[in-house]
Amino acid sequence: MARAKPQAEPDRALERIRTRARNEGLEIAYEGAIAVCKDPKARPADRLGAANLIFRLSGAYEVAGQEDAGTKALSSLSRAELIAAADAARAYLAELDAAEDEPEAPSGSDVFD
């Protein structure tokens, strides 16, 4: 019988632990955070920490400020996607700057005309 490489067993153990943490651990953390938020005797700092955890688990921080729900978080973009996003942002800023430089034509329908 061939023995597994010494590193293989710790890697498998770590993967099992991570899987349990993602499944069981997240549910336990979520339930605990809900309980802390609902506890009127909980310290404000504890309630704030629990609310923060709930927001993180829900993904609310990742999508906050994104116009399109299909937009990926910056941390999940590849280098090419980041470059494209930066170029698009620069182009948009240039459009905004150009719009500020152009004088507005009087519309003739202002209250003070």
Foldseek 3Di string as FASTA:
>chain_A
DDDDDPVVVVVVVVVVVVVCCVPVVLVVLLVVLVVLCPDPPHDPVSVVVSVVSVCVVVCVVQCVPPPDPPDGRPVPDDPVVVVVVVVVVVVVVVVVVVVVPDDDDDPVPDPVD
